[in-house]
Protein backbone atom coordinates (compact mmCIF):
# COMPACT_ATOMS: atom_id res chain seq x y z
CA VAL A 1 6.56 -12.87 -25.20
CA PHE A 2 9.28 -10.18 -26.03
CA ILE A 3 12.32 -11.92 -24.64
CA PRO A 4 14.36 -8.91 -23.44
CA GLY A 5 11.89 -6.75 -21.62
CA ASP A 6 9.37 -9.40 -20.46
CA THR A 7 12.07 -11.67 -19.11
CA LEU A 8 13.85 -8.73 -17.35
CA ILE A 9 10.50 -7.75 -15.60
CA ALA A 10 9.87 -11.43 -14.62
CA CYS A 11 13.39 -11.70 -13.19
CA GLY A 12 12.99 -8.50 -11.17
CA PHE A 13 9.62 -9.63 -10.05
CA ALA A 14 10.92 -12.93 -8.67
CA ALA A 15 14.00 -11.26 -6.98
CA TYR A 16 12.49 -8.23 -5.28
CA VAL A 17 8.73 -7.97 -5.41
CA GLY A 18 7.61 -11.01 -3.28
CA VAL A 19 7.61 -9.11 0.00
CA PHE A 20 5.02 -6.63 -1.14
CA THR A 21 1.21 -6.74 -1.16
CA LYS A 22 -0.88 -6.94 -4.44
CA GLU A 23 -1.23 -3.04 -4.77
CA TYR A 24 2.50 -2.46 -4.40
CA ARG A 25 3.33 -5.31 -6.80
CA GLU A 26 1.10 -3.97 -9.55
CA ALA A 27 2.49 -0.45 -9.06
CA ILE A 28 6.11 -1.70 -9.25
CA VAL A 29 5.47 -3.75 -12.43
CA ASP A 30 3.70 -0.72 -14.05
CA ALA A 31 6.52 1.61 -13.12
CA PHE A 32 9.25 -0.79 -14.30
CA SER A 33 7.33 -1.35 -17.57
CA GLY A 34 7.07 2.37 -18.18
CA PHE A 35 10.77 2.80 -17.52
CA LEU A 36 11.65 0.14 -20.02
CA ARG A 37 9.27 1.37 -22.73
CA LYS A 38 10.77 4.85 -22.25
CA ASN A 39 14.12 3.44 -22.93
CA ASN A 40 12.97 1.49 -26.06
CA VAL A 41 13.33 -1.98 -24.49
CA PRO A 42 11.01 -4.45 -26.44
CA LEU A 43 8.02 -5.36 -24.34
CA GLY A 44 4.69 -7.12 -25.00
CA ASP A 45 1.31 -5.19 -24.89
CA SER A 46 0.47 -6.60 -21.50
CA VAL A 47 3.37 -7.72 -19.35
CA ASP A 48 2.44 -10.63 -16.97
CA PRO A 49 5.39 -11.90 -14.91
CA LEU A 50 3.35 -14.85 -13.63
CA SER A 51 2.79 -16.31 -17.10
CA ILE A 52 6.53 -16.25 -17.72
CA LEU A 53 7.62 -17.67 -14.28
CA ALA A 54 5.03 -20.58 -14.21
CA THR A 55 2.94 -22.67 -16.58
CA ASP A 56 -0.70 -23.54 -16.18
CA ALA A 57 0.32 -27.10 -15.43
CA GLN A 58 2.68 -26.08 -12.66
CA MET A 59 -0.04 -23.80 -11.04
CA ALA A 60 -2.55 -26.67 -11.36
CA SER A 61 -0.17 -28.88 -9.52
CA TRP A 62 0.36 -26.36 -6.78
CA ASN A 63 -3.45 -25.94 -6.31
CA THR A 64 -3.71 -29.71 -5.99
CA GLN A 65 -1.01 -29.61 -3.23
CA GLY A 66 -2.97 -27.09 -1.25
CA LEU A 67 -1.90 -23.67 -2.51
CA PRO A 68 -4.94 -21.27 -2.75
CA SER A 69 -5.93 -20.56 -6.35
CA ASP A 70 -6.11 -16.75 -6.13
CA ARG A 71 -3.58 -14.60 -8.11
CA ILE A 72 -1.31 -13.58 -5.24
CA SER A 73 -0.88 -17.12 -4.03
CA GLY A 74 0.07 -18.19 -7.60
CA GLU A 75 2.66 -15.36 -7.79
CA ASN A 76 4.04 -16.46 -4.46
CA GLY A 77 4.38 -20.03 -5.67
CA ALA A 78 6.09 -18.86 -8.92
CA ILE A 79 8.61 -16.73 -6.97
CA MET A 80 9.38 -19.63 -4.59
CA THR A 81 9.95 -22.17 -7.28
CA ASN A 82 12.18 -19.78 -9.41
CA SER A 83 14.19 -18.21 -6.58
CA GLU A 84 17.90 -19.11 -6.28
CA ARG A 85 17.99 -17.83 -2.70
CA TRP A 86 16.35 -19.59 0.23
CA CYS A 87 12.81 -18.36 0.81
CA LEU A 88 11.45 -16.80 3.93
CA ILE A 89 7.69 -16.63 3.90
CA ILE A 90 5.55 -14.17 5.88
CA ASP A 91 2.65 -16.37 6.62
CA PRO A 92 0.34 -15.29 9.51
CA GLN A 93 -2.59 -17.44 8.29
CA MET A 94 -0.41 -20.56 7.87
CA GLN A 95 -1.44 -21.12 4.27
CA GLY A 96 2.03 -21.09 2.75
CA ILE A 97 3.36 -23.66 5.20
CA VAL A 98 0.61 -26.09 4.47
CA TRP A 99 1.48 -26.01 0.80
CA ILE A 100 5.26 -26.42 1.47
CA ARG A 101 4.63 -29.37 3.71
CA LYS A 102 2.59 -31.14 0.97
CA LYS A 103 4.87 -30.00 -1.87
CA GLU A 104 8.12 -31.16 -0.21
CA GLU A 105 6.87 -34.41 1.42
CA ASP A 106 8.48 -36.47 -1.24
CA ASN A 107 11.73 -34.84 -0.67
CA LYS A 108 11.97 -36.00 2.98
CA LEU A 109 10.89 -32.71 4.55
CA GLN A 110 12.22 -32.16 8.07
CA ILE A 111 10.58 -29.49 10.25
CA THR A 112 12.37 -27.71 13.01
CA ARG A 113 12.38 -24.42 14.98
CA MET A 114 15.05 -21.93 15.71
CA GLY A 115 16.78 -22.92 18.97
CA GLN A 116 15.41 -26.44 19.06
CA LYS A 117 17.85 -28.98 20.60
CA LYS A 118 18.05 -31.24 17.48
CA MET A 119 18.11 -28.43 14.95
CA LEU A 120 21.83 -28.78 14.09
CA GLN A 121 21.47 -32.56 13.78
CA ILE A 122 18.53 -32.18 11.41
CA PHE A 123 20.50 -29.78 9.27
CA GLU A 124 23.55 -31.92 9.17
CA GLN A 125 21.58 -34.95 8.07
CA SER A 126 19.44 -33.04 5.57
CA ILE A 127 22.34 -31.16 3.94
CA ASP A 128 24.22 -34.44 3.47
CA ASN A 129 21.31 -36.42 2.24
CA GLY A 130 19.70 -33.73 0.07
CA ALA A 131 16.45 -33.48 2.07
CA SER A 132 14.40 -30.31 2.57
CA VAL A 133 14.30 -28.39 5.82
CA LEU A 134 11.47 -26.08 7.04
CA ILE A 135 12.17 -23.71 9.96
CA GLU A 136 8.72 -22.79 11.24
CA ASN A 137 7.47 -20.02 13.48
CA MET A 138 10.69 -17.86 13.22
CA GLY A 139 11.18 -14.59 15.05
CA GLU A 140 13.16 -11.68 13.66
CA GLY A 141 16.60 -13.26 14.11
CA ILE A 142 18.58 -16.16 12.75
CA ASP A 143 21.12 -18.14 14.83
CA ALA A 144 24.72 -17.27 13.75
CA VAL A 145 25.61 -20.99 13.32
CA LEU A 146 23.16 -21.12 10.40
CA GLN A 147 24.66 -18.09 8.61
CA PRO A 148 26.82 -20.15 6.22
CA VAL A 149 23.74 -22.12 5.27
CA ILE A 150 21.71 -19.05 4.64
CA ALA A 151 24.42 -17.47 2.63
CA ARG A 152 25.35 -20.66 0.90
CA ASN A 153 28.97 -20.23 1.79
CA THR A 154 30.16 -23.51 0.31
CA LEU A 155 33.77 -24.75 0.20
CA ARG A 156 35.60 -27.03 -2.27
CA ARG A 157 37.39 -30.13 -1.03
CA GLY A 158 38.60 -31.91 -4.20
CA SER A 159 35.58 -32.61 -6.28
CA LYS A 160 33.16 -32.30 -3.40
CA LYS A 161 31.30 -29.28 -2.24
CA MET A 162 31.22 -28.74 1.48
CA ILE A 163 29.56 -26.37 3.91
CA LYS A 164 30.68 -25.45 7.46
CA LEU A 165 28.10 -25.94 10.15
CA GLY A 166 29.38 -25.15 13.50
CA ASP A 167 32.75 -26.85 13.89
CA LYS A 168 31.95 -29.52 11.23
CA GLU A 169 32.31 -29.54 7.47
CA ILE A 170 29.27 -31.25 5.92
CA ASN A 171 29.00 -32.70 2.46
CA TYR A 172 26.62 -30.32 0.51
CA SER A 173 23.99 -32.07 -1.59
CA PRO A 174 22.64 -30.10 -4.61
CA ASN A 175 19.19 -31.47 -3.67
CA PHE A 176 19.17 -29.65 -0.31
CA ARG A 177 16.36 -27.12 0.11
CA LEU A 178 15.62 -24.64 2.90
CA PHE A 179 12.40 -22.89 3.71
CA MET A 180 11.77 -20.48 6.51
CA GLN A 181 8.40 -19.39 7.84
CA THR A 182 7.24 -16.65 10.23
CA LYS A 183 3.81 -15.93 11.63
CA LEU A 184 4.65 -12.30 12.29
CA SER A 185 2.53 -10.04 10.02
CA ASN A 186 5.12 -7.22 9.80
CA PRO A 187 8.58 -8.55 10.70
CA HIS A 188 11.70 -6.41 10.50
CA TYR A 189 14.75 -8.40 9.39
CA PRO A 190 18.33 -6.93 9.27
CA PRO A 191 19.62 -6.06 5.75
CA GLU A 192 21.88 -9.08 5.56
CA ILE A 193 18.88 -11.46 5.92
CA GLN A 194 16.91 -9.50 3.33
CA ALA A 195 19.85 -9.66 0.94
CA GLU A 196 20.58 -13.36 1.34
CA CYS A 197 16.86 -14.58 1.39
CA THR A 198 13.80 -14.14 -0.79
CA LEU A 199 10.98 -12.74 1.40
CA ILE A 200 7.59 -13.71 0.15
CA ASN A 201 4.37 -12.23 1.65
CA PHE A 202 1.69 -14.98 1.98
CA THR A 203 -0.62 -12.81 3.98
CA VAL A 204 -4.16 -13.42 2.86
CA THR A 205 -5.59 -10.54 0.79
CA GLU A 206 -9.13 -9.30 0.83
CA ALA A 207 -9.92 -10.73 -2.53
CA GLY A 208 -8.31 -14.08 -1.66
CA LEU A 209 -10.21 -14.21 1.59
CA GLU A 210 -13.49 -13.52 -0.17
CA ASP A 211 -12.90 -16.57 -2.46
CA GLN A 212 -12.06 -18.81 0.36
CA LEU A 213 -15.00 -17.69 2.62
CA LEU A 214 -17.34 -18.17 -0.35
CA PHE A 215 -16.09 -21.78 -0.73
CA LEU A 216 -16.59 -22.38 3.08
CA VAL A 217 -20.16 -21.11 2.71
CA VAL A 218 -20.85 -23.38 -0.15
CA VAL A 219 -19.46 -26.32 1.76
CA LEU A 220 -21.85 -25.71 4.61
CA GLU A 221 -24.90 -24.87 2.61
CA ARG A 222 -24.43 -27.18 -0.38
CA PRO A 223 -21.77 -29.92 0.47
CA ASP A 224 -22.87 -31.75 -2.74
CA LEU A 225 -21.89 -28.83 -4.95
CA ALA A 226 -18.62 -28.35 -3.01
CA ARG A 227 -17.61 -31.96 -3.69
CA THR A 228 -18.54 -31.70 -7.31
CA LYS A 229 -16.48 -28.51 -7.63
CA SER A 230 -13.45 -30.17 -5.93
CA GLN A 231 -13.70 -33.12 -8.21
CA LEU A 232 -13.92 -30.95 -11.33
CA ILE A 233 -10.98 -28.76 -10.23
CA GLN A 234 -8.80 -31.79 -9.52
CA GLN A 235 -9.76 -33.30 -12.87
CA GLN A 236 -8.96 -29.92 -14.64
CA ASN A 237 -5.62 -29.73 -12.89
CA GLU A 238 -4.79 -33.27 -13.92
CA PHE A 239 -5.82 -32.60 -17.47
CA LYS A 240 -3.48 -29.48 -17.60
CA VAL A 241 -0.54 -31.52 -16.25
CA LYS A 242 -1.25 -34.43 -18.57
CA LEU A 243 -1.49 -31.95 -21.65
CA ALA A 244 1.78 -30.47 -20.74
CA GLU A 245 3.41 -33.96 -20.51
CA LEU A 246 1.86 -34.92 -23.94
CA GLU A 247 3.24 -31.71 -25.49
CA ALA A 248 6.67 -32.39 -24.23
CA LEU A 249 6.51 -36.00 -25.42
CA LEU A 250 5.27 -34.87 -28.85
CA LEU A 251 8.16 -32.34 -29.15
CA GLU A 252 10.67 -34.93 -28.12
CA LYS A 253 9.42 -37.50 -30.63
CA LEU A 254 9.49 -34.86 -33.44
CA ALA A 255 13.03 -33.83 -32.48
CA ASN A 256 14.23 -37.48 -32.57
CA ALA A 257 12.24 -38.55 -35.60
CA GLU A 258 14.15 -39.99 -38.44
CA GLY A 259 12.93 -40.12 -42.09
CA ASP A 260 9.31 -39.49 -43.00
CA ILE A 261 7.32 -38.71 -39.81
CA LEU A 262 4.21 -39.94 -41.56
CA ASP A 263 5.64 -43.46 -41.48
CA ASP A 264 5.90 -43.32 -37.69
CA ALA A 265 2.62 -44.71 -36.45
CA ASP A 266 3.18 -43.79 -32.75
CA LEU A 267 4.02 -40.17 -33.72
């Protein structure tokens, strides 16, 4: 990885490209790469933003949680986990929301809808306790009362960070996470929403749909092979995660080793 150019492309990819389909993403990356090469910015031979934004172990973990294993879904997962802005996913086939529910279940995920009676109460408790909130099935507008949350307009009260929600000031936990989902296939959001959120297009692509349909055919025709494949994929994903953990542990032990490392039996 050539740090200047490759990292710049990965950052731009995470910030701006998520809303586009596969063809546009590839065209944008190619155009940006050509521009950087023209201006003598160091780049690798083949720029791959996904390999910079996510490791094999992370993608394996996402697949285990229910994220489809095609390239576009992996890019969407990488954008979502690296984005500093709240993510608004375009998800007509409901694949992204299934993954979010599984991914965030350990973080006390709360699910609500725009205009629901208990929506503000859910936000107050989640912001204070550091839980995740998913607004599902959104339209093309966002309630004005949520604007400070969307824009992260926090206030300082002594050593605490607060956020105004309606007429209340809520203690803002750094663990709070917000996800938004719409089933609209071609929504039109105002510029302020697009500037304050990261839009991610989870619409199923033709190639991704082929892979998924092939798997369903195998499930119907040869359920034994489907079970074997699922078990092997799960094992492979677990091995990738375990390998990453062992690599991190080895580096930690090497960094903290004292004296001759050959004398350290565990190392």
